Amino acid sequence: IISRNVETEAGIGFGKAVAQGDADKGVVLVSATAS
């Protein structure tokens, strides 16, 4: 289990797939542009 900073403006729920964000150690929800 790792810690990552949430970059998604609307937040991220529990049990969701996350992808690498723009920043080091950042994550966003998986999407068509973040896979």
PDB file of all heavy atoms in Angstrom:
ATOM      1  N   ILE A   1       0.866  -1.182   0.000  1.00  0.00           N
ATOM      2  CA  ILE A   1       0.000   0.000   0.000  1.00  0.00           C
ATOM      3  C   ILE A   1       0.899   1.227   0.000  1.00  0.00           C
ATOM      4  O   ILE A   1       1.787   1.354   0.845  1.00  0.00           O
ATOM      5  CB  ILE A   1      -0.931   0.000   1.228  1.00  0.00           C
ATOM      6  CG1 ILE A   1      -1.809  -1.264   1.209  1.00  0.00           C
ATOM      7  CG2 ILE A   1      -1.785   1.260   1.254  1.00  0.00           C
ATOM      8  CD1 ILE A   1      -2.544  -1.527   2.502  1.00  0.00           C
ATOM      9  N   ILE A   2       0.656   2.113  -0.957  1.00  0.00           N
ATOM     10  CA  ILE A   2       1.461   3.325  -1.087  1.00  0.00           C
ATOM     11  C   ILE A   2       0.577   4.549  -0.881  1.00  0.00           C
ATOM     12  O   ILE A   2      -0.649   4.452  -0.932  1.00  0.00           O
ATOM     13  CB  ILE A   2       2.164   3.384  -2.460  1.00  0.00           C
ATOM     14  CG1 ILE A   2       1.136   3.376  -3.606  1.00  0.00           C
ATOM     15  CG2 ILE A   2       3.149   2.219  -2.606  1.00  0.00           C
ATOM     16  CD1 ILE A   2       1.732   3.522  -5.002  1.00  0.00           C
ATOM     17  N   SER A   3       1.188   5.683  -0.658  1.00  0.00           N
ATOM     18  CA  SER A   3       0.465   6.953  -0.545  1.00  0.00           C
ATOM     19  C   SER A   3       0.710   7.768  -1.805  1.00  0.00           C
ATOM     20  O   SER A   3       1.851   7.868  -2.268  1.00  0.00           O
ATOM     21  CB  SER A   3       0.956   7.751   0.662  1.00  0.00           C
ATOM     22  OG  SER A   3       0.664   7.072   1.846  1.00  0.00           O
ATOM     23  N   ARG A   4      -0.374   8.340  -2.338  1.00  0.00           N
ATOM     24  CA  ARG A   4      -0.260   9.182  -3.517  1.00  0.00           C
ATOM     25  C   ARG A   4      -1.166  10.394  -3.350  1.00  0.00           C
ATOM     26  O   ARG A   4      -2.242  10.305  -2.757  1.00  0.00           O
ATOM     27  CB  ARG A   4      -0.644   8.427  -4.800  1.00  0.00           C
ATOM     28  CG  ARG A   4       0.349   7.348  -5.201  1.00  0.00           C
ATOM     29  CD  ARG A   4       1.684   7.980  -5.600  1.00  0.00           C
ATOM     30  NE  ARG A   4       2.677   7.014  -6.021  1.00  0.00           N
ATOM     31  CZ  ARG A   4       3.677   6.576  -5.269  1.00  0.00           C
ATOM     32  NH1 ARG A   4       3.805   6.979  -4.041  1.00  0.00           N
ATOM     33  NH2 ARG A   4       4.557   5.723  -5.755  1.00  0.00           N
ATOM     34  N   ASN A   5      -0.734  11.539  -3.883  1.00  0.00           N
ATOM     35  CA  ASN A   5      -1.492  12.780  -3.760  1.00  0.00           C
ATOM     36  C   ASN A   5      -2.570  12.859  -4.835  1.00  0.00           C
ATOM     37  O   ASN A   5      -2.285  12.674  -6.016  1.00  0.00           O
ATOM     38  CB  ASN A   5      -0.557  13.986  -3.863  1.00  0.00           C
ATOM     39  CG  ASN A   5       0.458  14.000  -2.743  1.00  0.00           C
ATOM     40  OD1 ASN A   5       0.128  13.703  -1.600  1.00  0.00           O
ATOM     41  ND2 ASN A   5       1.693  14.308  -3.075  1.00  0.00           N
ATOM     42  N   VAL A   6      -3.793  13.144  -4.425  1.00  0.00           N
ATOM     43  CA  VAL A   6      -4.931  13.203  -5.340  1.00  0.00           C
ATOM     44  C   VAL A   6      -4.887  14.505  -6.128  1.00  0.00           C
ATOM     45  O   VAL A   6      -4.878  15.593  -5.549  1.00  0.00           O
ATOM     46  CB  VAL A   6      -6.261  13.091  -4.559  1.00  0.00           C
ATOM     47  CG1 VAL A   6      -7.455  13.294  -5.485  1.00  0.00           C
ATOM     48  CG2 VAL A   6      -6.341  11.754  -3.854  1.00  0.00           C
ATOM     49  N   GLU A   7      -4.886  14.393  -7.459  1.00  0.00           N
ATOM     50  CA  GLU A   7      -4.885  15.564  -8.335  1.00  0.00           C
ATOM     51  C   GLU A   7      -6.265  15.822  -8.933  1.00  0.00           C
ATOM     52  O   GLU A   7      -6.523  16.922  -9.411  1.00  0.00           O
ATOM     53  CB  GLU A   7      -3.865  15.375  -9.461  1.00  0.00           C
ATOM     54  CG  GLU A   7      -2.429  15.330  -8.962  1.00  0.00           C
ATOM     55  CD  GLU A   7      -1.434  15.136 -10.090  1.00  0.00           C
ATOM     56  OE1 GLU A   7      -1.801  15.235 -11.281  1.00  0.00           O
ATOM     57  OE2 GLU A   7      -0.256  14.861  -9.779  1.00  0.00           O
ATOM     58  N   THR A   8      -7.154  14.830  -8.937  1.00  0.00           N
ATOM     59  CA  THR A   8      -8.479  14.969  -9.523  1.00  0.00           C
ATOM     60  C   THR A   8      -9.280  15.997  -8.747  1.00  0.00           C
ATOM     61  O   THR A   8      -9.450  15.875  -7.527  1.00  0.00           O
ATOM     62  CB  THR A   8      -9.227  13.616  -9.533  1.00  0.00           C
ATOM     63  OG1 THR A   8      -8.429  12.671 -10.245  1.00  0.00           O
ATOM     64  CG2 THR A   8     -10.593  13.740 -10.168  1.00  0.00           C
ATOM     65  N   GLU A   9      -9.769  17.036  -9.433  1.00  0.00           N
ATOM     66  CA  GLU A   9     -10.472  18.146  -8.777  1.00  0.00           C
ATOM     67  C   GLU A   9     -11.703  17.688  -7.988  1.00  0.00           C
ATOM     68  O   GLU A   9     -11.959  18.170  -6.892  1.00  0.00           O
ATOM     69  CB  GLU A   9     -10.884  19.187  -9.815  1.00  0.00           C
ATOM     70  CG  GLU A   9     -11.436  20.457  -9.189  1.00  0.00           C
ATOM     71  CD  GLU A   9     -11.688  21.537 -10.216  1.00  0.00           C
ATOM     72  OE1 GLU A   9     -10.973  21.602 -11.228  1.00  0.00           O
ATOM     73  OE2 GLU A   9     -12.619  22.319 -10.000  1.00  0.00           O
ATOM     74  N   ALA A  10     -12.455  16.757  -8.524  1.00  0.00           N
ATOM     75  CA  ALA A  10     -13.676  16.287  -7.855  1.00  0.00           C
ATOM     76  C   ALA A  10     -13.377  15.248  -6.775  1.00  0.00           C
ATOM     77  O   ALA A  10     -14.290  14.785  -6.104  1.00  0.00           O
ATOM     78  CB  ALA A  10     -14.637  15.699  -8.882  1.00  0.00           C
ATOM     79  N   GLY A  11     -12.121  14.895  -6.605  1.00  0.00           N
ATOM     80  CA  GLY A  11     -11.761  13.880  -5.634  1.00  0.00           C
ATOM     81  C   GLY A  11     -11.836  12.492  -6.238  1.00  0.00           C
ATOM     82  O   GLY A  11     -12.219  12.307  -7.393  1.00  0.00           O
ATOM     83  N   ILE A  12     -11.443  11.499  -5.433  1.00  0.00           N
ATOM     84  CA  ILE A  12     -11.445  10.104  -5.879  1.00  0.00           C
ATOM     85  C   ILE A  12     -12.064   9.258  -4.783  1.00  0.00           C
ATOM     86  O   ILE A  12     -11.657   9.319  -3.624  1.00  0.00           O
ATOM     87  CB  ILE A  12     -10.010   9.616  -6.178  1.00  0.00           C
ATOM     88  CG1 ILE A  12      -9.370  10.453  -7.297  1.00  0.00           C
ATOM     89  CG2 ILE A  12     -10.023   8.131  -6.547  1.00  0.00           C
ATOM     90  CD1 ILE A  12      -7.912  10.135  -7.558  1.00  0.00           C
ATOM     91  N   GLY A  13     -13.041   8.444  -5.156  1.00  0.00           N
ATOM     92  CA  GLY A  13     -13.712   7.563  -4.202  1.00  0.00           C
ATOM     93  C   GLY A  13     -12.861   6.372  -3.821  1.00  0.00           C
ATOM     94  O   GLY A  13     -11.776   6.141  -4.368  1.00  0.00           O
ATOM     95  N   PHE A  14     -13.379   5.583  -2.886  1.00  0.00           N
ATOM     96  CA  PHE A  14     -12.690   4.378  -2.443  1.00  0.00           C
ATOM     97  C   PHE A  14     -12.985   3.241  -3.426  1.00  0.00           C
ATOM     98  O   PHE A  14     -14.071   3.144  -3.971  1.00  0.00           O
ATOM     99  CB  PHE A  14     -13.155   3.969  -1.050  1.00  0.00           C
ATOM    100  CG  PHE A  14     -12.979   5.045  -0.007  1.00  0.00           C
ATOM    101  CD1 PHE A  14     -13.844   5.112   1.062  1.00  0.00           C
ATOM    102  CD2 PHE A  14     -11.961   5.972  -0.086  1.00  0.00           C
ATOM    103  CE1 PHE A  14     -13.700   6.085   2.040  1.00  0.00           C
ATOM    104  CE2 PHE A  14     -11.802   6.952   0.878  1.00  0.00           C
ATOM    105  CZ  PHE A  14     -12.671   7.012   1.945  1.00  0.00           C
ATOM    106  N   GLY A  15     -12.002   2.374  -3.647  1.00  0.00           N
ATOM    107  CA  GLY A  15     -12.190   1.249  -4.554  1.00  0.00           C
ATOM    108  C   GLY A  15     -12.176   1.657  -6.012  1.00  0.00           C
ATOM    109  O   GLY A  15     -12.825   1.031  -6.841  1.00  0.00           O
ATOM    110  N   LYS A  16     -11.425   2.695  -6.351  1.00  0.00           N
ATOM    111  CA  LYS A  16     -11.359   3.207  -7.730  1.00  0.00           C
ATOM    112  C   LYS A  16      -9.961   3.009  -8.307  1.00  0.00           C
ATOM    113  O   LYS A  16      -8.953   3.127  -7.606  1.00  0.00           O
ATOM    114  CB  LYS A  16     -11.707   4.701  -7.778  1.00  0.00           C
ATOM    115  CG  LYS A  16     -13.066   5.039  -7.207  1.00  0.00           C
ATOM    116  CD  LYS A  16     -14.177   4.431  -8.001  1.00  0.00           C
ATOM    117  CE  LYS A  16     -15.535   4.825  -7.451  1.00  0.00           C
ATOM    118  NZ  LYS A  16     -16.621   4.142  -8.128  1.00  0.00           N
ATOM    119  N   ALA A  17      -9.909   2.748  -9.608  1.00  0.00           N
ATOM    120  CA  ALA A  17      -8.631   2.629 -10.304  1.00  0.00           C
ATOM    121  C   ALA A  17      -8.041   4.022 -10.487  1.00  0.00           C
ATOM    122  O   ALA A  17      -8.747   4.948 -10.891  1.00  0.00           O
ATOM    123  CB  ALA A  17      -8.822   1.960 -11.659  1.00  0.00           C
ATOM    124  N   VAL A  18      -6.759   4.153 -10.161  1.00  0.00           N
ATOM    125  CA  VAL A  18      -6.093   5.446 -10.325  1.00  0.00           C
ATOM    126  C   VAL A  18      -4.885   5.290 -11.240  1.00  0.00           C
ATOM    127  O   VAL A  18      -4.261   4.237 -11.309  1.00  0.00           O
ATOM    128  CB  VAL A  18      -5.666   6.058  -8.969  1.00  0.00           C
ATOM    129  CG1 VAL A  18      -6.881   6.497  -8.180  1.00  0.00           C
ATOM    130  CG2 VAL A  18      -4.820   5.106  -8.155  1.00  0.00           C
ATOM    131  N   ALA A  19      -4.590   6.380 -11.947  1.00  0.00           N
ATOM    132  CA  ALA A  19      -3.476   6.416 -12.885  1.00  0.00           C
ATOM    133  C   ALA A  19      -2.480   7.486 -12.452  1.00  0.00           C
ATOM    134  O   ALA A  19      -2.804   8.355 -11.638  1.00  0.00           O
ATOM    135  CB  ALA A  19      -4.001   6.728 -14.289  1.00  0.00           C
ATOM    136  N   GLN A  20      -1.297   7.426 -13.023  1.00  0.00           N
ATOM    137  CA  GLN A  20      -0.269   8.419 -12.725  1.00  0.00           C
ATOM    138  C   GLN A  20      -0.774   9.810 -13.078  1.00  0.00           C
ATOM    139  O   GLN A  20      -1.316  10.023 -14.151  1.00  0.00           O
ATOM    140  CB  GLN A  20       1.008   8.108 -13.510  1.00  0.00           C
ATOM    141  CG  GLN A  20       2.130   9.105 -13.290  1.00  0.00           C
ATOM    142  CD  GLN A  20       2.615   9.120 -11.841  1.00  0.00           C
ATOM    143  OE1 GLN A  20       2.831   8.079 -11.249  1.00  0.00           O
ATOM    144  NE2 GLN A  20       2.793  10.306 -11.289  1.00  0.00           N
ATOM    145  N   GLY A  21      -0.607  10.746 -12.156  1.00  0.00           N
ATOM    146  CA  GLY A  21      -0.990  12.125 -12.397  1.00  0.00           C
ATOM    147  C   GLY A  21       0.138  12.898 -13.054  1.00  0.00           C
ATOM    148  O   GLY A  21       1.141  12.325 -13.499  1.00  0.00           O
ATOM    149  N   ASP A  22       0.006  14.221 -13.073  1.00  0.00           N
ATOM    150  CA  ASP A  22       1.030  15.073 -13.671  1.00  0.00           C
ATOM    151  C   ASP A  22       2.263  15.206 -12.787  1.00  0.00           C
ATOM    152  O   ASP A  22       3.385  15.264 -13.267  1.00  0.00           O
ATOM    153  CB  ASP A  22       0.465  16.479 -13.950  1.00  0.00           C
ATOM    154  CG  ASP A  22      -0.576  16.463 -15.058  1.00  0.00           C
ATOM    155  OD1 ASP A  22      -0.492  15.601 -15.958  1.00  0.00           O
ATOM    156  OD2 ASP A  22      -1.478  17.321 -15.023  1.00  0.00           O
ATOM    157  N   ALA A  23       2.044  15.263 -11.480  1.00  0.00           N
ATOM    158  CA  ALA A  23       3.144  15.455 -10.534  1.00  0.00           C
ATOM    159  C   ALA A  23       3.728  14.116 -10.083  1.00  0.00           C
ATOM    160  O   ALA A  23       3.068  13.079 -10.174  1.00  0.00           O
ATOM    161  CB  ALA A  23       2.640  16.218  -9.308  1.00  0.00           C
ATOM    162  N   ASP A  24       4.957  14.167  -9.586  1.00  0.00           N
ATOM    163  CA  ASP A  24       5.530  12.981  -8.965  1.00  0.00           C
ATOM    164  C   ASP A  24       4.609  12.565  -7.816  1.00  0.00           C
ATOM    165  O   ASP A  24       4.119  13.413  -7.063  1.00  0.00           O
ATOM    166  CB  ASP A  24       6.913  13.287  -8.390  1.00  0.00           C
ATOM    167  CG  ASP A  24       7.958  13.558  -9.460  1.00  0.00           C
ATOM    168  OD1 ASP A  24       7.654  13.359 -10.655  1.00  0.00           O
ATOM    169  OD2 ASP A  24       9.062  13.982  -9.102  1.00  0.00           O
ATOM    170  N   LYS A  25       4.367  11.287  -7.677  1.00  0.00           N
ATOM    171  CA  LYS A  25       3.526  10.728  -6.617  1.00  0.00           C
ATOM    172  C   LYS A  25       2.105  11.289  -6.631  1.00  0.00           C
ATOM    173  O   LYS A  25       1.434  11.322  -5.611  1.00  0.00           O
ATOM    174  CB  LYS A  25       4.185  10.900  -5.251  1.00  0.00           C
ATOM    175  CG  LYS A  25       5.503  10.155  -5.161  1.00  0.00           C
ATOM    176  CD  LYS A  25       5.975   9.994  -3.762  1.00  0.00           C
ATOM    177  CE  LYS A  25       7.243   9.153  -3.769  1.00  0.00           C
ATOM    178  NZ  LYS A  25       7.628   8.736  -2.467  1.00  0.00           N
ATOM    179  N   GLY A  26       1.635  11.724  -7.799  1.00  0.00           N
ATOM    180  CA  GLY A  26       0.267  12.198  -7.947  1.00  0.00           C
ATOM    181  C   GLY A  26      -0.563  11.148  -8.672  1.00  0.00           C
ATOM    182  O   GLY A  26      -0.039  10.363  -9.461  1.00  0.00           O
ATOM    183  N   VAL A  27      -1.874  11.108  -8.362  1.00  0.00           N
ATOM    184  CA  VAL A  27      -2.781  10.199  -9.056  1.00  0.00           C
ATOM    185  C   VAL A  27      -4.055  10.915  -9.460  1.00  0.00           C
ATOM    186  O   VAL A  27      -4.451  11.905  -8.846  1.00  0.00           O
ATOM    187  CB  VAL A  27      -3.159   8.962  -8.193  1.00  0.00           C
ATOM    188  CG1 VAL A  27      -1.988   8.024  -8.010  1.00  0.00           C
ATOM    189  CG2 VAL A  27      -3.763   9.362  -6.866  1.00  0.00           C
ATOM    190  N   VAL A  28      -4.666  10.377 -10.517  1.00  0.00           N
ATOM    191  CA  VAL A  28      -5.956  10.843 -11.027  1.00  0.00           C
ATOM    192  C   VAL A  28      -6.798   9.603 -11.296  1.00  0.00           C
ATOM    193  O   VAL A  28      -6.275   8.490 -11.376  1.00  0.00           O
ATOM    194  CB  VAL A  28      -5.801  11.677 -12.318  1.00  0.00           C
ATOM    195  CG1 VAL A  28      -5.029  12.964 -12.058  1.00  0.00           C
ATOM    196  CG2 VAL A  28      -5.123  10.859 -13.414  1.00  0.00           C
ATOM    197  N   LEU A  29      -8.101   9.782 -11.445  1.00  0.00           N
ATOM    198  CA  LEU A  29      -8.945   8.668 -11.847  1.00  0.00           C
ATOM    199  C   LEU A  29      -8.525   8.176 -13.224  1.00  0.00           C
ATOM    200  O   LEU A  29      -8.155   8.985 -14.082  1.00  0.00           O
ATOM    201  CB  LEU A  29     -10.410   9.098 -11.901  1.00  0.00           C
ATOM    202  CG  LEU A  29     -11.145   9.145 -10.574  1.00  0.00           C
ATOM    203  CD1 LEU A  29     -12.522   9.774 -10.757  1.00  0.00           C
ATOM    204  CD2 LEU A  29     -11.277   7.759  -9.966  1.00  0.00           C
ATOM    205  N   VAL A  30      -8.579   6.877 -13.446  1.00  0.00           N
ATOM    206  CA  VAL A  30      -8.288   6.336 -14.770  1.00  0.00           C
ATOM    207  C   VAL A  30      -9.311   6.905 -15.750  1.00  0.00           C
ATOM    208  O   VAL A  30     -10.501   6.986 -15.449  1.00  0.00           O
ATOM    209  CB  VAL A  30      -8.341   4.793 -14.755  1.00  0.00           C
ATOM    210  CG1 VAL A  30      -8.307   4.240 -16.167  1.00  0.00           C
ATOM    211  CG2 VAL A  30      -7.187   4.237 -13.946  1.00  0.00           C
ATOM    212  N   SER A  31      -8.817   7.328 -16.911  1.00  0.00           N
ATOM    213  CA  SER A  31      -9.695   7.890 -17.942  1.00  0.00           C
ATOM    214  C   SER A  31      -9.088   7.602 -19.303  1.00  0.00           C
ATOM    215  O   SER A  31      -8.040   6.967 -19.398  1.00  0.00           O
ATOM    216  CB  SER A  31      -9.844   9.401 -17.742  1.00  0.00           C
ATOM    217  OG  SER A  31      -8.600  10.037 -17.994  1.00  0.00           O
ATOM    218  N   ALA A  32      -9.726   8.096 -20.338  1.00  0.00           N
ATOM    219  CA  ALA A  32      -9.215   7.900 -21.695  1.00  0.00           C
ATOM    220  C   ALA A  32      -7.857   8.564 -21.869  1.00  0.00           C
ATOM    221  O   ALA A  32      -7.034   8.114 -22.666  1.00  0.00           O
ATOM    222  CB  ALA A  32     -10.211   8.448 -22.710  1.00  0.00           C
ATOM    223  N   THR A  33      -7.583   9.631 -21.126  1.00  0.00           N
ATOM    224  CA  THR A  33      -6.312  10.335 -21.255  1.00  0.00           C
ATOM    225  C   THR A  33      -5.313   9.961 -20.167  1.00  0.00           C
ATOM    226  O   THR A  33      -4.147  10.306 -20.264  1.00  0.00           O
ATOM    227  CB  THR A  33      -6.529  11.861 -21.216  1.00  0.00           C
ATOM    228  OG1 THR A  33      -7.186  12.198 -19.995  1.00  0.00           O
ATOM    229  CG2 THR A  33      -7.361  12.320 -22.406  1.00  0.00           C
ATOM    230  N   ALA A  34      -5.767   9.268 -19.133  1.00  0.00           N
ATOM    231  CA  ALA A  34      -4.890   8.845 -18.037  1.00  0.00           C
ATOM    232  C   ALA A  34      -5.070   7.348 -17.841  1.00  0.00           C
ATOM    233  O   ALA A  34      -5.941   6.911 -17.105  1.00  0.00           O
ATOM    234  CB  ALA A  34      -5.226   9.609 -16.758  1.00  0.00           C
ATOM    235  N   SER A  35      -4.254   6.565 -18.523  1.00  0.00           N
ATOM    236  CA  SER A  35      -4.455   5.121 -18.503  1.00  0.00           C
ATOM    237  C   SER A  35      -3.278   4.336 -17.935  1.00  0.00           C
ATOM    238  O   SER A  35      -3.264   3.119 -17.984  1.00  0.00           O
ATOM    239  CB  SER A  35      -4.776   4.621 -19.913  1.00  0.00           C
ATOM    240  OG  SER A  35      -3.706   4.936 -20.781  1.00  0.00           O
TER     241      SER A  35
END
